[in-house]
Amino acid sequence: MTIAPDGGLAAEGADDAETRKLMRENDYLKLRCAQLQDDVTDLSSQLTRARQDLERLHGRAGAAGGA
């Protein structure tokens, strides 16, 4: 047994092409995960702004109706 690039164990004579393919896929998935996390952060910010706008508008409607 040998140590694989990801720190796990690999059988001797493991196919290097398959290892490189899996490493590329892993790199892609890490990048995609980071992009999706950024998207979630952006959506969370938009949701917060929309809630604030709704509260502001609701406050105006309540003040106008109560007068």
Protein backbone atom coordinates (compact mmCIF):
# COMPACT_ATOMS: atom_id res chain seq x y z
CA MET A 1 0.00 0.00 0.00
CA THR A 2 1.04 3.58 -0.67
CA ILE A 3 -0.25 6.96 0.41
CA ALA A 4 -2.70 8.50 -2.07
CA PRO A 5 -2.67 12.25 -2.88
CA ASP A 6 -5.72 12.77 -0.65
CA GLY A 7 -3.90 11.21 2.29
CA GLY A 8 -5.71 7.85 2.08
CA LEU A 9 -4.27 4.53 1.13
CA ALA A 10 -3.96 3.45 -2.48
CA ALA A 11 -3.17 0.02 -3.85
CA GLU A 12 0.22 -0.21 -5.49
CA GLY A 13 -0.05 0.06 -9.24
CA ALA A 14 -3.21 2.17 -9.03
CA ASP A 15 -4.06 3.78 -12.33
CA ASP A 16 -2.43 7.24 -12.38
CA ALA A 17 -4.89 8.49 -14.99
CA GLU A 18 -7.81 7.59 -12.75
CA THR A 19 -6.11 9.29 -9.80
CA ARG A 20 -5.59 12.48 -11.83
CA LYS A 21 -9.20 12.35 -13.03
CA LEU A 22 -10.47 12.05 -9.46
CA MET A 23 -8.21 14.88 -8.31
CA ARG A 24 -9.52 17.14 -11.10
CA GLU A 25 -13.09 16.25 -10.18
CA ASN A 26 -12.35 16.95 -6.53
CA ASP A 27 -10.85 20.34 -7.41
CA TYR A 28 -13.91 21.17 -9.53
CA LEU A 29 -16.29 20.15 -6.74
CA LYS A 30 -14.40 22.28 -4.20
CA LEU A 31 -14.63 25.28 -6.55
CA ARG A 32 -18.33 24.67 -7.21
CA CYS A 33 -19.00 24.36 -3.49
CA ALA A 34 -17.30 27.72 -2.89
CA GLN A 35 -19.38 29.30 -5.67
CA LEU A 36 -22.59 27.91 -4.20
CA GLN A 37 -21.65 29.18 -0.74
CA ASP A 38 -21.18 32.66 -2.26
CA ASP A 39 -24.61 32.35 -3.90
CA VAL A 40 -26.19 31.44 -0.55
CA THR A 41 -24.53 34.45 1.08
CA ASP A 42 -25.81 36.75 -1.69
CA LEU A 43 -29.34 35.34 -1.42
CA SER A 44 -29.27 35.71 2.35
CA SER A 45 -28.33 39.37 1.98
CA GLN A 46 -31.12 39.92 -0.53
CA LEU A 47 -33.61 38.23 1.79
CA THR A 48 -32.53 40.44 4.68
CA ARG A 49 -32.98 43.57 2.55
CA ALA A 50 -36.41 42.38 1.36
CA ARG A 51 -37.52 41.73 4.95
CA GLN A 52 -36.34 45.19 5.99
CA ASP A 53 -38.23 46.76 3.07
CA LEU A 54 -41.36 44.80 3.98
CA GLU A 55 -41.12 45.87 7.61
CA ARG A 56 -40.62 49.48 6.55
CA LEU A 57 -43.61 49.35 4.18
CA HIS A 58 -45.73 47.55 6.76
CA GLY A 59 -44.85 50.25 9.29
CA ARG A 60 -45.94 52.97 6.88
CA ALA A 61 -49.24 51.22 6.18
CA GLY A 62 -49.86 50.76 9.90
CA ALA A 63 -49.10 54.42 10.62
CA ALA A 64 -51.38 55.59 7.80
CA GLY A 65 -54.20 53.29 8.91
CA GLY A 66 -53.91 54.28 12.54
CA ALA A 67 -54.07 58.04 11.87
